[in-house]
Amino acid sequence: MSRQRMNRYPKPLLSVEETAILLGETRSTLYRAVKARTIPLPAIWISERFRIHRARCTVLVARLGIRLT
């Protein structure tokens, strides 16, 4: 999913793939960080998949100074 499409249709919870796009990381790196609890984003386990709060991700992106285009 493209970053532009994600911004047009905001969802309260993001998949690991969507979060990785926002953070500029690979999906694999983000999965490892979530499982190791080394990323300051709480992950929720829903129907065998991780979900991450969009609002918390947005705060982290702002704190890290990542530009969203």
Protein backbone atom coordinates (compact mmCIF):
# COMPACT_ATOMS: atom_id res chain seq x y z
CA MET A 1 0.00 0.00 0.00
CA SER A 2 1.41 3.39 -0.91
CA ARG A 3 1.99 6.13 1.65
CA GLN A 4 -0.31 8.44 -0.33
CA ARG A 5 -3.18 5.96 -0.16
CA MET A 6 -2.60 5.42 3.58
CA ASN A 7 -2.88 9.17 4.21
CA ARG A 8 -6.09 9.42 2.19
CA TYR A 9 -7.86 6.65 4.14
CA PRO A 10 -6.57 6.77 7.71
CA LYS A 11 -7.25 3.69 9.81
CA PRO A 12 -6.88 3.63 13.59
CA LEU A 13 -4.71 0.50 13.45
CA LEU A 14 -1.89 -0.18 11.01
CA SER A 15 -0.40 -3.46 9.87
CA VAL A 16 3.30 -4.07 10.34
CA GLU A 17 3.78 -3.50 6.61
CA GLU A 18 2.00 -0.12 6.71
CA THR A 19 3.97 0.94 9.79
CA ALA A 20 7.22 -0.10 8.12
CA ILE A 21 6.39 2.13 5.15
CA LEU A 22 5.78 5.11 7.43
CA LEU A 23 9.01 4.51 9.36
CA GLY A 24 11.08 3.79 6.26
CA GLU A 25 12.03 0.31 7.48
CA THR A 26 11.59 -3.14 6.04
CA ARG A 27 8.74 -5.31 7.19
CA SER A 28 11.19 -7.91 8.51
CA THR A 29 13.06 -5.34 10.60
CA LEU A 30 9.83 -4.08 12.11
CA TYR A 31 8.61 -7.61 12.91
CA ARG A 32 11.89 -8.31 14.72
CA ALA A 33 11.63 -5.03 16.65
CA VAL A 34 8.03 -5.74 17.66
CA LYS A 35 8.83 -9.28 18.80
CA ALA A 36 11.95 -8.12 20.70
CA ARG A 37 10.03 -5.13 22.11
CA THR A 38 12.79 -2.75 21.05
CA ILE A 39 10.51 -0.31 19.25
CA PRO A 40 8.57 2.23 21.35
CA LEU A 41 5.25 1.27 19.77
CA PRO A 42 2.83 -1.08 21.48
CA ALA A 43 1.72 -3.83 19.14
CA ILE A 44 -1.67 -5.48 19.46
CA TRP A 45 -2.21 -9.08 18.46
CA ILE A 46 -5.48 -9.33 16.47
CA SER A 47 -6.51 -12.52 14.67
CA GLU A 48 -2.95 -13.82 14.38
CA ARG A 49 -1.52 -10.49 13.15
CA PHE A 50 0.22 -7.57 14.77
CA ARG A 51 -1.50 -4.18 14.62
CA ILE A 52 -0.02 -0.84 15.69
CA HIS A 53 -1.92 2.30 16.70
CA ARG A 54 -1.71 4.92 13.95
CA ALA A 55 -1.72 7.78 16.47
CA ARG A 56 1.28 6.37 18.35
CA CYS A 57 3.11 5.77 15.08
CA THR A 58 2.41 9.35 13.98
CA VAL A 59 3.86 10.67 17.26
CA LEU A 60 6.99 8.54 16.80
CA VAL A 61 7.39 9.73 13.21
CA ALA A 62 7.14 13.37 14.37
CA ARG A 63 9.60 12.78 17.21
CA LEU A 64 12.11 11.17 14.85
CA GLY A 65 11.68 13.96 12.30
CA ILE A 66 10.66 11.65 9.45
CA ARG A 67 9.10 13.58 6.57
CA LEU A 68 5.91 12.12 5.16
CA THR A 69 5.38 12.82 1.49
